[in-house]
C-alpha atoms as a PDB file:
ATOM      1  CA  UNK A   1     -12.754 -36.627  40.022  1.00  0.00           C
ATOM      2  CA  UNK A   2     -10.537 -34.259  37.954  1.00  0.00           C
ATOM      3  CA  UNK A   3     -12.038 -32.853  34.652  1.00  0.00           C
ATOM      4  CA  UNK A   4      -9.751 -32.693  31.422  1.00  0.00           C
ATOM      5  CA  UNK A   5      -9.253 -29.333  29.968  1.00  0.00           C
ATOM      6  CA  UNK A   6     -11.890 -28.522  27.150  1.00  0.00           C
ATOM      7  CA  UNK A   7     -12.290 -25.961  24.970  1.00  0.00           C
ATOM      8  CA  UNK A   8     -15.989 -26.498  24.538  1.00  0.00           C
ATOM      9  CA  UNK A   9     -16.222 -26.330  28.346  1.00  0.00           C
ATOM     10  CA  UNK A  10     -14.286 -22.970  28.381  1.00  0.00           C
ATOM     11  CA  UNK A  11     -16.655 -21.482  25.842  1.00  0.00           C
ATOM     12  CA  UNK A  12     -19.672 -22.690  27.580  1.00  0.00           C
ATOM     13  CA  UNK A  13     -18.443 -21.355  31.015  1.00  0.00           C
ATOM     14  CA  UNK A  14     -17.927 -17.863  29.304  1.00  0.00           C
ATOM     15  CA  UNK A  15     -21.205 -17.766  27.674  1.00  0.00           C
ATOM     16  CA  UNK A  16     -23.068 -18.607  30.818  1.00  0.00           C
ATOM     17  CA  UNK A  17     -21.204 -16.159  32.928  1.00  0.00           C
ATOM     18  CA  UNK A  18     -21.815 -13.619  30.222  1.00  0.00           C
ATOM     19  CA  UNK A  19     -25.250 -14.202  29.839  1.00  0.00           C
ATOM     20  CA  UNK A  20     -25.520 -13.852  33.732  1.00  0.00           C
ATOM     21  CA  UNK A  21     -24.032 -10.265  33.280  1.00  0.00           C
ATOM     22  CA  UNK A  22     -26.139  -9.585  30.442  1.00  0.00           C
ATOM     23  CA  UNK A  23     -29.248 -10.537  32.253  1.00  0.00           C
ATOM     24  CA  UNK A  24     -28.140  -8.195  35.133  1.00  0.00           C
ATOM     25  CA  UNK A  25     -27.705  -5.187  32.656  1.00  0.00           C
ATOM     26  CA  UNK A  26     -31.092  -6.162  30.907  1.00  0.00           C
ATOM     27  CA  UNK A  27     -32.900  -5.911  34.011  1.00  0.00           C
ATOM     28  CA  UNK A  28     -31.270  -2.960  35.711  1.00  0.00           C
ATOM     29  CA  UNK A  29     -31.186  -0.541  32.810  1.00  0.00           C
ATOM     30  CA  UNK A  30     -34.731   0.338  33.263  1.00  0.00           C
ATOM     31  CA  UNK A  31     -34.314   1.360  36.794  1.00  0.00           C
ATOM     32  CA  UNK A  32     -31.304   3.754  35.905  1.00  0.00           C
ATOM     33  CA  UNK A  33     -32.924   5.413  33.046  1.00  0.00           C
ATOM     34  CA  UNK A  34     -36.154   4.969  31.459  1.00  0.00           C
ATOM     35  CA  UNK A  35     -35.217   6.785  28.188  1.00  0.00           C
ATOM     36  CA  UNK A  36     -33.138   3.735  27.175  1.00  0.00           C
ATOM     37  CA  UNK A  37     -35.294   1.658  24.761  1.00  0.00           C
ATOM     38  CA  UNK A  38     -35.347  -2.211  24.305  1.00  0.00           C
ATOM     39  CA  UNK A  39     -32.934  -2.521  21.491  1.00  0.00           C
ATOM     40  CA  UNK A  40     -29.755  -1.344  23.630  1.00  0.00           C
ATOM     41  CA  UNK A  41     -30.969  -3.590  26.517  1.00  0.00           C
ATOM     42  CA  UNK A  42     -31.233  -6.519  24.101  1.00  0.00           C
ATOM     43  CA  UNK A  43     -27.671  -5.557  22.793  1.00  0.00           C
ATOM     44  CA  UNK A  44     -26.563  -5.588  26.260  1.00  0.00           C
ATOM     45  CA  UNK A  45     -27.977  -9.004  26.867  1.00  0.00           C
ATOM     46  CA  UNK A  46     -26.420 -10.627  23.751  1.00  0.00           C
ATOM     47  CA  UNK A  47     -23.068  -8.701  24.176  1.00  0.00           C
ATOM     48  CA  UNK A  48     -21.724 -10.236  27.234  1.00  0.00           C
ATOM     49  CA  UNK A  49     -22.100 -14.068  26.126  1.00  0.00           C
ATOM     50  CA  UNK A  50     -20.339 -13.161  23.040  1.00  0.00           C
ATOM     51  CA  UNK A  51     -17.670 -11.714  25.247  1.00  0.00           C
ATOM     52  CA  UNK A  52     -17.543 -14.720  27.182  1.00  0.00           C
ATOM     53  CA  UNK A  53     -17.310 -16.727  24.060  1.00  0.00           C
ATOM     54  CA  UNK A  54     -14.410 -14.722  22.790  1.00  0.00           C
ATOM     55  CA  UNK A  55     -12.514 -15.142  26.104  1.00  0.00           C
ATOM     56  CA  UNK A  56     -13.331 -18.985  26.162  1.00  0.00           C
ATOM     57  CA  UNK A  57     -11.849 -19.268  22.550  1.00  0.00           C
ATOM     58  CA  UNK A  58      -8.723 -17.387  23.406  1.00  0.00           C
ATOM     59  CA  UNK A  59      -7.864 -19.776  26.467  1.00  0.00           C
ATOM     60  CA  UNK A  60      -5.930 -21.787  23.806  1.00  0.00           C
ATOM     61  CA  UNK A  61      -3.445 -19.229  23.680  1.00  0.00           C
ATOM     62  CA  UNK A  62      -0.820 -18.994  26.543  1.00  0.00           C
ATOM     63  CA  UNK A  63       1.864 -17.043  24.791  1.00  0.00           C
ATOM     64  CA  UNK A  64       1.538 -14.341  22.209  1.00  0.00           C
ATOM     65  CA  UNK A  65       1.477 -15.961  18.573  1.00  0.00           C
ATOM     66  CA  UNK A  66       3.919 -13.363  17.103  1.00  0.00           C
ATOM     67  CA  UNK A  67       5.789 -12.016  19.951  1.00  0.00           C
ATOM     68  CA  UNK A  68       6.231 -15.213  22.008  1.00  0.00           C
ATOM     69  CA  UNK A  69       5.402 -13.310  25.337  1.00  0.00           C
ATOM     70  CA  UNK A  70       3.522 -15.038  27.829  1.00  0.00           C
ATOM     71  CA  UNK A  71      -0.150 -14.146  28.194  1.00  0.00           C
ATOM     72  CA  UNK A  72      -1.491 -15.824  31.305  1.00  0.00           C
ATOM     73  CA  UNK A  73      -5.328 -15.713  31.818  1.00  0.00           C
ATOM     74  CA  UNK A  74      -5.331 -13.010  34.321  1.00  0.00           C
ATOM     75  CA  UNK A  75      -3.659 -10.624  31.491  1.00  0.00           C
ATOM     76  CA  UNK A  76      -5.366 -12.033  28.444  1.00  0.00           C
ATOM     77  CA  UNK A  77      -9.097 -12.018  29.567  1.00  0.00           C
ATOM     78  CA  UNK A  78      -9.255  -8.575  31.135  1.00  0.00           C
ATOM     79  CA  UNK A  79      -7.629  -7.084  27.849  1.00  0.00           C
ATOM     80  CA  UNK A  80     -10.257  -8.953  25.671  1.00  0.00           C
ATOM     81  CA  UNK A  81     -13.029  -7.678  27.896  1.00  0.00           C
ATOM     82  CA  UNK A  82     -11.608  -4.148  27.578  1.00  0.00           C
ATOM     83  CA  UNK A  83     -11.136  -4.163  24.142  1.00  0.00           C
ATOM     84  CA  UNK A  84     -14.766  -5.648  23.267  1.00  0.00           C
ATOM     85  CA  UNK A  85     -16.292  -2.931  25.584  1.00  0.00           C
ATOM     86  CA  UNK A  86     -14.280  -0.220  23.755  1.00  0.00           C
ATOM     87  CA  UNK A  87     -15.703  -1.469  20.423  1.00  0.00           C
ATOM     88  CA  UNK A  88     -19.145  -1.356  21.939  1.00  0.00           C
ATOM     89  CA  UNK A  89     -18.586   2.150  23.168  1.00  0.00           C
ATOM     90  CA  UNK A  90     -17.538   3.370  19.829  1.00  0.00           C
ATOM     91  CA  UNK A  91     -20.814   1.865  18.414  1.00  0.00           C
ATOM     92  CA  UNK A  92     -23.253   2.873  21.355  1.00  0.00           C
ATOM     93  CA  UNK A  93     -21.500   6.145  22.683  1.00  0.00           C
ATOM     94  CA  UNK A  94     -24.658   8.163  22.891  1.00  0.00           C
ATOM     95  CA  UNK A  95     -26.835   5.616  24.450  1.00  0.00           C
ATOM     96  CA  UNK A  96     -24.051   4.994  27.097  1.00  0.00           C
ATOM     97  CA  UNK A  97     -23.570   8.479  27.609  1.00  0.00           C
ATOM     98  CA  UNK A  98     -27.293   8.878  28.394  1.00  0.00           C
ATOM     99  CA  UNK A  99     -27.051   5.907  30.797  1.00  0.00           C
ATOM    100  CA  UNK A 100     -24.113   7.131  32.741  1.00  0.00           C
ATOM    101  CA  UNK A 101     -25.611  10.706  32.926  1.00  0.00           C
ATOM    102  CA  UNK A 102     -28.888   9.360  34.252  1.00  0.00           C
ATOM    103  CA  UNK A 103     -26.588   7.343  36.927  1.00  0.00           C
ATOM    104  CA  UNK A 104     -23.980  10.017  37.878  1.00  0.00           C
ATOM    105  CA  UNK A 105     -25.197  13.434  36.594  1.00  0.00           C
ATOM    106  CA  UNK A 106     -23.459  15.889  34.216  1.00  0.00           C
ATOM    107  CA  UNK A 107     -20.825  16.670  36.762  1.00  0.00           C
ATOM    108  CA  UNK A 108     -20.186  13.224  38.146  1.00  0.00           C
ATOM    109  CA  UNK A 109     -16.601  11.680  38.003  1.00  0.00           C
ATOM    110  CA  UNK A 110     -17.824   8.575  36.139  1.00  0.00           C
ATOM    111  CA  UNK A 111     -19.981  10.329  33.539  1.00  0.00           C
ATOM    112  CA  UNK A 112     -17.806   9.410  30.721  1.00  0.00           C
ATOM    113  CA  UNK A 113     -18.967   6.314  28.480  1.00  0.00           C
ATOM    114  CA  UNK A 114     -15.226   4.958  28.612  1.00  0.00           C
ATOM    115  CA  UNK A 115     -15.872   3.635  32.149  1.00  0.00           C
ATOM    116  CA  UNK A 116     -17.568   0.928  30.259  1.00  0.00           C
ATOM    117  CA  UNK A 117     -14.061  -0.251  29.067  1.00  0.00           C
ATOM    118  CA  UNK A 118     -13.008  -0.757  32.619  1.00  0.00           C
ATOM    119  CA  UNK A 119     -16.148  -2.815  33.390  1.00  0.00           C
ATOM    120  CA  UNK A 120     -15.243  -4.941  30.373  1.00  0.00           C
ATOM    121  CA  UNK A 121     -11.822  -5.592  31.941  1.00  0.00           C
ATOM    122  CA  UNK A 122     -13.365  -6.468  35.299  1.00  0.00           C
ATOM    123  CA  UNK A 123     -16.017  -8.751  33.711  1.00  0.00           C
ATOM    124  CA  UNK A 124     -13.399 -10.313  31.562  1.00  0.00           C
ATOM    125  CA  UNK A 125     -11.274 -11.056  34.590  1.00  0.00           C
ATOM    126  CA  UNK A 126     -14.367 -12.904  36.317  1.00  0.00           C
ATOM    127  CA  UNK A 127     -15.002 -14.824  32.995  1.00  0.00           C
ATOM    128  CA  UNK A 128     -11.364 -15.683  32.559  1.00  0.00           C
ATOM    129  CA  UNK A 129     -10.892 -17.002  35.947  1.00  0.00           C
ATOM    130  CA  UNK A 130     -14.045 -19.130  36.005  1.00  0.00           C
ATOM    131  CA  UNK A 131     -13.255 -20.459  32.379  1.00  0.00           C
ATOM    132  CA  UNK A 132      -9.640 -21.259  33.102  1.00  0.00           C
ATOM    133  CA  UNK A 133     -10.511 -22.821  36.634  1.00  0.00           C
ATOM    134  CA  UNK A 134     -13.345 -24.931  35.233  1.00  0.00           C
ATOM    135  CA  UNK A 135     -12.261 -25.516  31.661  1.00  0.00           C
ATOM    136  CA  UNK A 136      -8.574 -25.380  31.602  1.00  0.00           C
ATOM    137  CA  UNK A 137      -6.410 -23.495  29.116  1.00  0.00           C
ATOM    138  CA  UNK A 138      -3.698 -24.055  26.534  1.00  0.00           C
ATOM    139  CA  UNK A 139      -3.523 -26.090  23.536  1.00  0.00           C
ATOM    140  CA  UNK A 140      -4.613 -29.087  25.869  1.00  0.00           C
ATOM    141  CA  UNK A 141      -8.235 -27.878  25.638  1.00  0.00           C
ATOM    142  CA  UNK A 142      -8.166 -28.800  21.917  1.00  0.00           C
ATOM    143  CA  UNK A 143      -6.650 -32.325  22.060  1.00  0.00           C
ATOM    144  CA  UNK A 144      -8.692 -35.453  22.424  1.00  0.00           C
END
């Protein structure tokens, strides 16, 4: 049985995988740093399903709409994940810095909050692969 491409399925897969990563973050943050309150934890819990939904929606584009350059899923999804986490880093820089300092120490090589951008790219790659594999991609996902 072959499933037809579906935008709704892409978005649902992205949100479910994102929720999984959000739950991992929600439950592991207290073990890393007890100084982080409940609000940033809830923010992480809700952030990654949003990233997954955005990656799912952007699966209809297989080329850049203006430049007409190809945008395969393995390029598009990590760029979206990295961009979304860059924005998150700008909004929650101090909280993320506290978290990474607790994990790696002040002299640690990975103590910069901008490592969350690389994390977003990796999570985006995983979400993009699964959404494309099981939900399809391109304009065929929006046709009946």
